[in-house]
Structure formats: C-alpha cells, structure tokens
Amino acid sequence: MNIIELNKEPVELYKILKFEGLVASGGEAKIVIDAGQVLVNDNIETQKRKKIMSGDMISFQGESFKCVLNID
C-alpha cells in the first residue's frame, strides 16, 4: 500500500490524482473518475470534487493509496 501525504484537508479527489502523478492532467483525472475507474474507501467514486480526508483509501489502476495528514 502506498501513502499519500496531505498538507491540508479536505483535498478534492481529482487534484490528488493529478498531483500524485497518477494521471497526466486534471482533465484526465476528471475523465477517469467520471468513468468509474477510481474507488474511494472501496466504493466507486464519480464525484470529481469528492472531499478526501486523512484515513481515506483511494484505489486506481490496481494500486491502493492511504491518505494521511502531514502535520509538520
């Protein structure tokens, strides 16, 4: 399992996919979310602006990511 460190919360789902380099652009992130290719907490998520919080799990292209808040 991979870790995604959040500098603040909440963070919109499409931004996480974009900034973590899982997709090439925000537009591509919105397309894969709309197509039902992204799971949040084991549920298909189609809300592009879904608010992601620490503790949420994101699954995409066979990989799982746990979101944690970086409070440094």
C-alpha atoms as a PDB file:
ATOM      1  CA  MET A   1       0.000   0.000   0.000  1.00  0.00           C
ATOM      2  CA  ASN A   2       1.209   3.471  -0.873  1.00  0.00           C
ATOM      3  CA  ILE A   3       0.870   6.585   1.283  1.00  0.00           C
ATOM      4  CA  ILE A   4      -0.377   9.949   0.041  1.00  0.00           C
ATOM      5  CA  GLU A   5       0.557  12.792   2.375  1.00  0.00           C
ATOM      6  CA  LEU A   6      -1.997  15.598   2.559  1.00  0.00           C
ATOM      7  CA  ASN A   7      -0.758  19.059   3.543  1.00  0.00           C
ATOM      8  CA  LYS A   8      -4.309  20.166   4.346  1.00  0.00           C
ATOM      9  CA  GLU A   9      -7.738  18.661   4.351  1.00  0.00           C
ATOM     10  CA  PRO A  10     -10.012  18.241   2.635  1.00  0.00           C
ATOM     11  CA  VAL A  11      -8.443  17.830  -0.817  1.00  0.00           C
ATOM     12  CA  GLU A  12     -10.507  17.227  -3.951  1.00  0.00           C
ATOM     13  CA  LEU A  13     -10.116  13.755  -5.439  1.00  0.00           C
ATOM     14  CA  TYR A  14      -9.160  14.878  -8.952  1.00  0.00           C
ATOM     15  CA  LYS A  15      -6.376  17.071  -7.535  1.00  0.00           C
ATOM     16  CA  ILE A  16      -4.862  14.128  -5.673  1.00  0.00           C
ATOM     17  CA  LEU A  17      -4.764  12.021  -8.842  1.00  0.00           C
ATOM     18  CA  LYS A  18      -3.149  14.909 -10.715  1.00  0.00           C
ATOM     19  CA  PHE A  19      -0.586  15.985  -8.097  1.00  0.00           C
ATOM     20  CA  GLU A  20       0.442  12.410  -7.263  1.00  0.00           C
ATOM     21  CA  GLY A  21       1.207  11.833 -10.968  1.00  0.00           C
ATOM     22  CA  LEU A  22      -1.368   9.053 -11.345  1.00  0.00           C
ATOM     23  CA  VAL A  23      -2.748  10.866 -14.403  1.00  0.00           C
ATOM     24  CA  ALA A  24      -1.210  13.406 -16.754  1.00  0.00           C
ATOM     25  CA  SER A  25      -3.627  16.280 -16.074  1.00  0.00           C
ATOM     26  CA  GLY A  26      -6.636  17.457 -14.130  1.00  0.00           C
ATOM     27  CA  GLY A  27      -8.767  16.875 -17.202  1.00  0.00           C
ATOM     28  CA  GLU A  28      -7.632  13.263 -17.424  1.00  0.00           C
ATOM     29  CA  ALA A  29      -8.323  12.836 -13.693  1.00  0.00           C
ATOM     30  CA  LYS A  30     -11.890  14.025 -14.204  1.00  0.00           C
ATOM     31  CA  ILE A  31     -12.360  11.594 -17.108  1.00  0.00           C
ATOM     32  CA  VAL A  32     -11.171   8.510 -15.182  1.00  0.00           C
ATOM     33  CA  ILE A  33     -13.274   9.469 -12.158  1.00  0.00           C
ATOM     34  CA  ASP A  34     -16.352  10.014 -14.326  1.00  0.00           C
ATOM     35  CA  ALA A  35     -15.726   6.612 -15.974  1.00  0.00           C
ATOM     36  CA  GLY A  36     -15.872   4.894 -12.572  1.00  0.00           C
ATOM     37  CA  GLN A  37     -12.212   3.845 -12.573  1.00  0.00           C
ATOM     38  CA  VAL A  38     -11.460   5.248  -9.107  1.00  0.00           C
ATOM     39  CA  LEU A  39     -12.507   3.743  -5.776  1.00  0.00           C
ATOM     40  CA  VAL A  40     -12.659   5.682  -2.520  1.00  0.00           C
ATOM     41  CA  ASN A  41     -12.974   3.517   0.579  1.00  0.00           C
ATOM     42  CA  ASP A  42     -13.806   0.512  -1.655  1.00  0.00           C
ATOM     43  CA  ASN A  43     -16.714   2.289  -3.368  1.00  0.00           C
ATOM     44  CA  ILE A  44     -16.762   3.538  -6.964  1.00  0.00           C
ATOM     45  CA  GLU A  45     -16.496   7.319  -6.805  1.00  0.00           C
ATOM     46  CA  THR A  46     -17.799   9.500  -9.631  1.00  0.00           C
ATOM     47  CA  GLN A  47     -17.670  12.869  -7.842  1.00  0.00           C
ATOM     48  CA  LYS A  48     -14.666  14.667  -9.291  1.00  0.00           C
ATOM     49  CA  ARG A  49     -14.563  17.102  -6.378  1.00  0.00           C
ATOM     50  CA  LYS A  50     -15.116  14.464  -3.682  1.00  0.00           C
ATOM     51  CA  LYS A  51     -13.501  15.762  -0.491  1.00  0.00           C
ATOM     52  CA  ILE A  52     -10.718  13.422   0.610  1.00  0.00           C
ATOM     53  CA  MET A  53      -9.715  13.354   4.260  1.00  0.00           C
ATOM     54  CA  SER A  54      -6.977  11.667   6.267  1.00  0.00           C
ATOM     55  CA  GLY A  55      -7.740   7.965   6.602  1.00  0.00           C
ATOM     56  CA  ASP A  56      -9.464   7.678   3.217  1.00  0.00           C
ATOM     57  CA  MET A  57      -8.310   4.920   0.867  1.00  0.00           C
ATOM     58  CA  ILE A  58      -8.050   5.528  -2.883  1.00  0.00           C
ATOM     59  CA  SER A  59      -7.697   2.680  -5.391  1.00  0.00           C
ATOM     60  CA  PHE A  60      -6.770   3.296  -9.023  1.00  0.00           C
ATOM     61  CA  GLN A  61      -5.308   1.031 -11.712  1.00  0.00           C
ATOM     62  CA  GLY A  62      -4.737  -1.835  -9.297  1.00  0.00           C
ATOM     63  CA  GLU A  63      -2.891   0.237  -6.704  1.00  0.00           C
ATOM     64  CA  SER A  64      -4.120   1.314  -3.275  1.00  0.00           C
ATOM     65  CA  PHE A  65      -3.234   4.541  -1.516  1.00  0.00           C
ATOM     66  CA  LYS A  66      -3.894   5.599   2.072  1.00  0.00           C
ATOM     67  CA  CYS A  67      -4.247   9.317   2.669  1.00  0.00           C
ATOM     68  CA  VAL A  68      -2.595  10.697   5.799  1.00  0.00           C
ATOM     69  CA  LEU A  69      -2.368  14.259   7.052  1.00  0.00           C
ATOM     70  CA  ASN A  70       1.189  15.596   7.260  1.00  0.00           C
ATOM     71  CA  ILE A  71       1.169  17.993  10.217  1.00  0.00           C
ATOM     72  CA  ASP A  72       4.834  19.089  10.053  1.00  0.00           C
END
